[in-house]
Amino acid sequence: MGDKEAKTGESQRKQTRYAVSDDCRIRASISIQSSEPGAVHKDWPGVLVDLSPGGCHVQISIGAVAYNGDSCVVKLSHGTMKTEVRGILAHYVCSARYSVCGVRFNSYAGESDKVLQSFLKAVIASATLKGGPTDSDISGQYKEEYRGAGHTKLVAYRNNKPERGVVAFDYTMGRFGASLMGGDADMFKNKSMVIFKAAPTEKGGAGAPLVESQIAEARWEFAVAASNLPKVVPPDLRKFLRLVS
């Protein structure tokens, strides 16, 4: 087995597997209902490798013993959002350093598990971003634009100083958007100045204003998405967004 990216792409069921980065804030574990003594009901903490509506890959310790077809429960969490998804081991591969569980969920994630959908939307809104520098529409600033699945878009502006520091961004994610204008070196101040909004509607209209409970959900989505940005986004911009999320 290679590195985490080895399982990214199309699954055997032709569902896109959306990559989850090493820095992602999502915590994962898996309980495998194996026939091996001592393995029943044991939670194995792991690293989420990728996620799709129908399954995922979780990297765990080589100490786990399991077999294709074993029943399992995948647990995902970040902050107050937690979910448990039942499935089976579609495949189980060991290497010298770790094991990788390929899990097929018992039911499609879209219909019944709203928490899992929240995780999935945040991952899609970050993992699918592609793009780079482009012409700026603000005098004296440099612009970078990254587009992803659906309406997902990250636009960042840098100043014209030698370090090209990030001064503003507008990130439209799955359900919400986060933006900052006039950022500086004080990350605590920057974080307090991030504004949240609803994502655009399917017809392209602006989203409705958010109530307090929705702002909490938007902060959660931003925290997950900002921690899962792909390497096409420069390291300093990834760090900036993670610090203010």
Protein backbone atom coordinates (compact mmCIF):
# COMPACT_ATOMS: atom_id res chain seq x y z
CA MET A 1 0.00 0.00 0.00
CA GLY A 2 1.33 3.44 -0.87
CA ASP A 3 0.58 6.76 0.79
CA LYS A 4 -2.86 8.21 1.52
CA GLU A 5 -3.41 9.34 -2.03
CA ALA A 6 -3.25 5.75 -3.26
CA LYS A 7 -6.95 5.26 -2.58
CA THR A 8 -8.18 8.51 -4.08
CA GLY A 9 -10.27 8.43 -7.26
CA GLU A 10 -13.02 6.15 -8.42
CA SER A 11 -14.17 3.34 -6.14
CA GLN A 12 -15.19 -0.05 -7.43
CA ARG A 13 -18.78 1.23 -7.30
CA LYS A 14 -17.82 4.17 -9.56
CA GLN A 15 -18.26 6.76 -6.81
CA THR A 16 -15.69 9.51 -6.57
CA ARG A 17 -13.56 9.23 -3.45
CA TYR A 18 -12.78 12.72 -2.18
CA ALA A 19 -9.32 13.00 -0.64
CA VAL A 20 -8.89 13.87 3.02
CA SER A 21 -5.58 15.53 3.89
CA ASP A 22 -3.23 14.62 6.73
CA ASP A 23 -4.04 17.98 8.36
CA CYS A 24 -7.81 17.57 8.26
CA ARG A 25 -9.57 18.14 11.58
CA ILE A 26 -11.93 15.19 11.10
CA ARG A 27 -11.23 12.45 13.65
CA ALA A 28 -11.92 8.87 12.65
CA SER A 29 -12.06 5.44 14.24
CA ILE A 30 -13.42 2.07 13.21
CA SER A 31 -14.91 -0.82 15.16
CA ILE A 32 -14.57 -4.13 13.33
CA GLN A 33 -16.87 -7.02 14.20
CA SER A 34 -14.18 -9.64 13.59
CA SER A 35 -14.24 -13.27 14.67
CA GLU A 36 -10.72 -12.86 16.05
CA PRO A 37 -10.49 -13.05 19.88
CA GLY A 38 -10.13 -9.61 21.45
CA ALA A 39 -11.16 -7.78 18.30
CA VAL A 40 -14.93 -7.62 18.87
CA HIS A 41 -16.25 -4.15 19.75
CA LYS A 42 -12.76 -2.66 19.88
CA ASP A 43 -12.41 0.86 18.50
CA TRP A 44 -9.30 1.39 16.39
CA PRO A 45 -8.37 5.08 16.11
CA GLY A 46 -7.32 5.92 12.59
CA VAL A 47 -6.83 8.47 9.86
CA LEU A 48 -9.58 9.16 7.34
CA VAL A 49 -8.03 8.79 3.87
CA ASP A 50 -11.01 9.63 1.68
CA LEU A 51 -14.79 9.84 1.78
CA SER A 52 -17.68 9.30 -0.63
CA PRO A 53 -21.46 8.96 -0.22
CA GLY A 54 -21.10 5.17 -0.32
CA GLY A 55 -17.92 4.50 1.61
CA CYS A 56 -14.49 5.55 2.81
CA HIS A 57 -10.95 4.41 3.50
CA VAL A 58 -9.53 4.52 7.02
CA GLN A 59 -5.87 3.96 7.85
CA ILE A 60 -5.37 2.12 11.18
CA SER A 61 -2.74 0.22 13.16
CA ILE A 62 -1.23 -2.96 11.75
CA GLY A 63 -2.25 -4.56 15.04
CA ALA A 64 -5.85 -4.80 13.88
CA VAL A 65 -6.95 -8.16 12.49
CA ALA A 66 -9.86 -8.19 10.06
CA TYR A 67 -11.14 -9.89 6.93
CA ASN A 68 -13.03 -8.86 3.83
CA GLY A 69 -16.75 -8.97 4.53
CA ASP A 70 -16.48 -8.20 8.26
CA SER A 71 -19.14 -5.86 9.62
CA CYS A 72 -17.84 -2.55 10.95
CA VAL A 73 -18.83 0.86 12.27
CA VAL A 74 -16.95 3.99 11.14
CA LYS A 75 -17.03 6.89 13.60
CA LEU A 76 -16.34 10.45 12.43
CA SER A 77 -16.19 13.55 14.59
CA HIS A 78 -15.17 17.17 14.80
CA GLY A 79 -16.26 19.45 17.61
CA THR A 80 -19.83 18.69 18.60
CA MET A 81 -20.61 16.91 15.31
CA LYS A 82 -20.35 13.13 15.51
CA THR A 83 -21.72 10.27 13.47
CA GLU A 84 -21.49 6.49 13.32
CA VAL A 85 -21.90 4.76 9.96
CA ARG A 86 -22.38 1.02 9.62
CA GLY A 87 -20.82 -0.89 6.76
CA ILE A 88 -18.72 -3.85 5.71
CA LEU A 89 -15.04 -4.21 4.88
CA ALA A 90 -14.96 -4.28 1.09
CA HIS A 91 -11.21 -4.84 1.31
CA TYR A 92 -8.49 -4.86 3.96
CA VAL A 93 -4.85 -4.27 3.01
CA CYS A 94 -1.80 -4.42 5.30
CA SER A 95 1.60 -2.85 4.79
CA ALA A 96 4.74 -2.79 6.92
CA ARG A 97 3.55 0.35 8.76
CA TYR A 98 -0.25 0.35 8.81
CA SER A 99 -3.45 -1.23 7.52
CA VAL A 100 -6.09 0.38 5.31
CA CYS A 101 -9.77 -0.48 5.64
CA GLY A 102 -11.91 0.02 2.56
CA VAL A 103 -15.45 0.38 3.90
CA ARG A 104 -18.69 0.18 1.94
CA PHE A 105 -21.53 1.83 3.85
CA ASN A 106 -24.71 -0.19 4.33
CA SER A 107 -26.81 2.70 3.02
CA TYR A 108 -26.14 5.67 0.76
CA ALA A 109 -25.08 8.66 2.87
CA GLY A 110 -27.42 11.19 1.30
CA GLU A 111 -30.83 10.20 2.59
CA SER A 112 -30.69 9.56 6.32
CA ASP A 113 -27.43 10.77 7.89
CA LYS A 114 -27.39 14.57 7.87
CA VAL A 115 -24.22 14.73 9.96
CA LEU A 116 -22.36 12.52 7.49
CA GLN A 117 -23.64 14.77 4.71
CA SER A 118 -22.14 17.77 6.51
CA PHE A 119 -18.75 16.04 6.67
CA LEU A 120 -19.00 15.03 3.03
CA LYS A 121 -19.96 18.53 1.80
CA ALA A 122 -17.05 20.12 3.69
CA VAL A 123 -14.61 17.59 2.23
CA ILE A 124 -15.93 18.05 -1.32
CA ALA A 125 -15.78 21.85 -0.97
CA SER A 126 -12.07 21.64 -0.20
CA ALA A 127 -10.69 18.54 -1.93
CA THR A 128 -11.99 19.49 -5.39
CA LEU A 129 -10.45 23.00 -5.58
CA LYS A 130 -8.26 23.73 -8.62
CA GLY A 131 -6.83 26.96 -9.98
CA GLY A 132 -4.18 29.55 -9.18
CA PRO A 133 -3.14 33.19 -9.78
CA THR A 134 -5.32 35.30 -12.03
CA ASP A 135 -5.82 38.96 -12.95
CA SER A 136 -6.85 41.04 -9.96
CA ASP A 137 -9.95 43.21 -9.98
CA ILE A 138 -8.57 45.30 -7.10
CA SER A 139 -5.79 47.79 -7.80
CA GLY A 140 -2.50 47.03 -6.05
CA GLN A 141 -3.45 43.51 -5.02
CA TYR A 142 -2.78 40.04 -6.41
CA LYS A 143 -5.63 37.59 -6.87
CA GLU A 144 -5.82 33.81 -6.71
CA GLU A 145 -8.96 31.91 -7.65
CA TYR A 146 -9.72 28.23 -7.07
CA ARG A 147 -12.90 26.50 -8.22
CA GLY A 148 -14.30 23.18 -7.12
CA ALA A 149 -17.42 21.03 -7.42
CA GLY A 150 -20.73 22.86 -7.88
CA HIS A 151 -20.60 26.45 -6.68
CA THR A 152 -17.47 25.90 -4.57
CA LYS A 153 -14.96 28.73 -5.01
CA LEU A 154 -12.06 30.21 -3.05
CA VAL A 155 -10.84 33.69 -3.98
CA ALA A 156 -7.86 35.15 -2.13
CA TYR A 157 -6.12 38.54 -2.38
CA ARG A 158 -2.51 39.35 -1.50
CA ASN A 159 -0.84 42.70 -0.93
CA ASN A 160 1.90 44.07 -3.19
CA LYS A 161 4.60 43.87 -0.51
CA PRO A 162 7.57 41.50 -1.05
CA GLU A 163 6.03 38.80 1.16
CA ARG A 164 2.69 38.94 -0.74
CA GLY A 165 0.72 38.52 2.47
CA VAL A 166 -2.94 37.42 2.37
CA VAL A 167 -5.23 40.38 3.06
CA ALA A 168 -8.65 39.06 2.03
CA PHE A 169 -10.52 35.95 0.97
CA ASP A 170 -13.99 34.80 -0.02
CA TYR A 171 -14.61 31.06 0.32
CA THR A 172 -17.91 29.59 -0.89
CA MET A 173 -18.19 26.06 0.48
CA GLY A 174 -20.97 23.47 0.47
CA ARG A 175 -23.74 25.12 2.47
CA PHE A 176 -22.10 28.35 3.59
CA GLY A 177 -19.55 30.98 2.71
CA ALA A 178 -16.81 32.63 4.78
CA SER A 179 -15.06 35.89 3.93
CA LEU A 180 -12.54 38.36 5.36
CA MET A 181 -11.64 41.84 4.14
CA GLY A 182 -8.58 43.75 5.33
CA GLY A 183 -6.72 41.00 7.14
CA ASP A 184 -3.32 41.61 8.74
CA ALA A 185 -0.69 39.81 10.83
CA ASP A 186 -2.93 39.52 13.91
CA MET A 187 -4.62 36.15 13.40
CA PHE A 188 -6.84 36.47 16.48
CA LYS A 189 -8.21 39.71 15.07
CA ASN A 190 -8.57 38.18 11.62
CA LYS A 191 -10.52 35.25 13.03
CA SER A 192 -12.95 37.55 14.83
CA MET A 193 -13.54 39.50 11.60
CA VAL A 194 -14.54 36.52 9.42
CA ILE A 195 -18.07 37.00 8.10
CA PHE A 196 -20.35 34.06 7.31
CA LYS A 197 -23.15 33.86 4.78
CA ALA A 198 -25.31 31.30 3.03
CA ALA A 199 -23.97 29.72 -0.15
CA PRO A 200 -25.59 30.76 -3.45
CA THR A 201 -28.85 29.08 -4.40
CA GLU A 202 -29.01 26.56 -7.24
CA LYS A 203 -30.31 29.32 -9.52
CA GLY A 204 -27.33 31.54 -8.72
CA GLY A 205 -29.05 33.91 -6.32
CA ALA A 206 -27.39 35.17 -3.16
CA GLY A 207 -28.05 33.13 -0.04
CA ALA A 208 -30.27 34.38 2.77
CA PRO A 209 -28.77 35.99 5.92
CA LEU A 210 -27.79 33.54 8.65
CA VAL A 211 -29.35 33.24 12.09
CA GLU A 212 -27.12 32.53 15.11
CA SER A 213 -27.52 28.75 14.96
CA GLN A 214 -26.59 28.79 11.28
CA ILE A 215 -23.46 30.84 12.02
CA ALA A 216 -22.32 28.07 14.35
CA GLU A 217 -22.87 25.54 11.54
CA ALA A 218 -21.00 27.78 9.10
CA ARG A 219 -18.05 28.08 11.48
CA TRP A 220 -17.98 24.29 11.76
CA GLU A 221 -18.01 23.81 7.97
CA PHE A 222 -15.29 26.41 7.55
CA ALA A 223 -13.13 24.74 10.22
CA VAL A 224 -13.31 21.38 8.43
CA ALA A 225 -12.94 22.71 4.88
CA ALA A 226 -10.05 25.04 5.78
CA SER A 227 -8.15 22.10 7.28
CA ASN A 228 -8.56 19.96 4.16
CA LEU A 229 -7.33 22.24 1.38
CA PRO A 230 -5.43 20.50 -1.46
CA LYS A 231 -1.77 21.16 -2.19
CA VAL A 232 -2.67 23.23 -5.27
CA VAL A 233 -3.46 25.95 -2.69
CA PRO A 234 -0.13 27.50 -1.57
CA PRO A 235 1.10 26.52 1.93
CA ASP A 236 0.90 30.06 3.33
CA LEU A 237 -2.71 30.44 2.19
CA ARG A 238 -3.61 27.03 3.62
CA LYS A 239 -2.01 28.05 6.94
CA PHE A 240 -3.77 31.43 6.94
CA LEU A 241 -7.21 29.88 6.41
CA ARG A 242 -6.62 27.20 9.01
CA LEU A 243 -5.58 29.79 11.61
CA VAL A 244 -8.66 31.99 11.07
CA SER A 245 -11.13 29.08 10.86
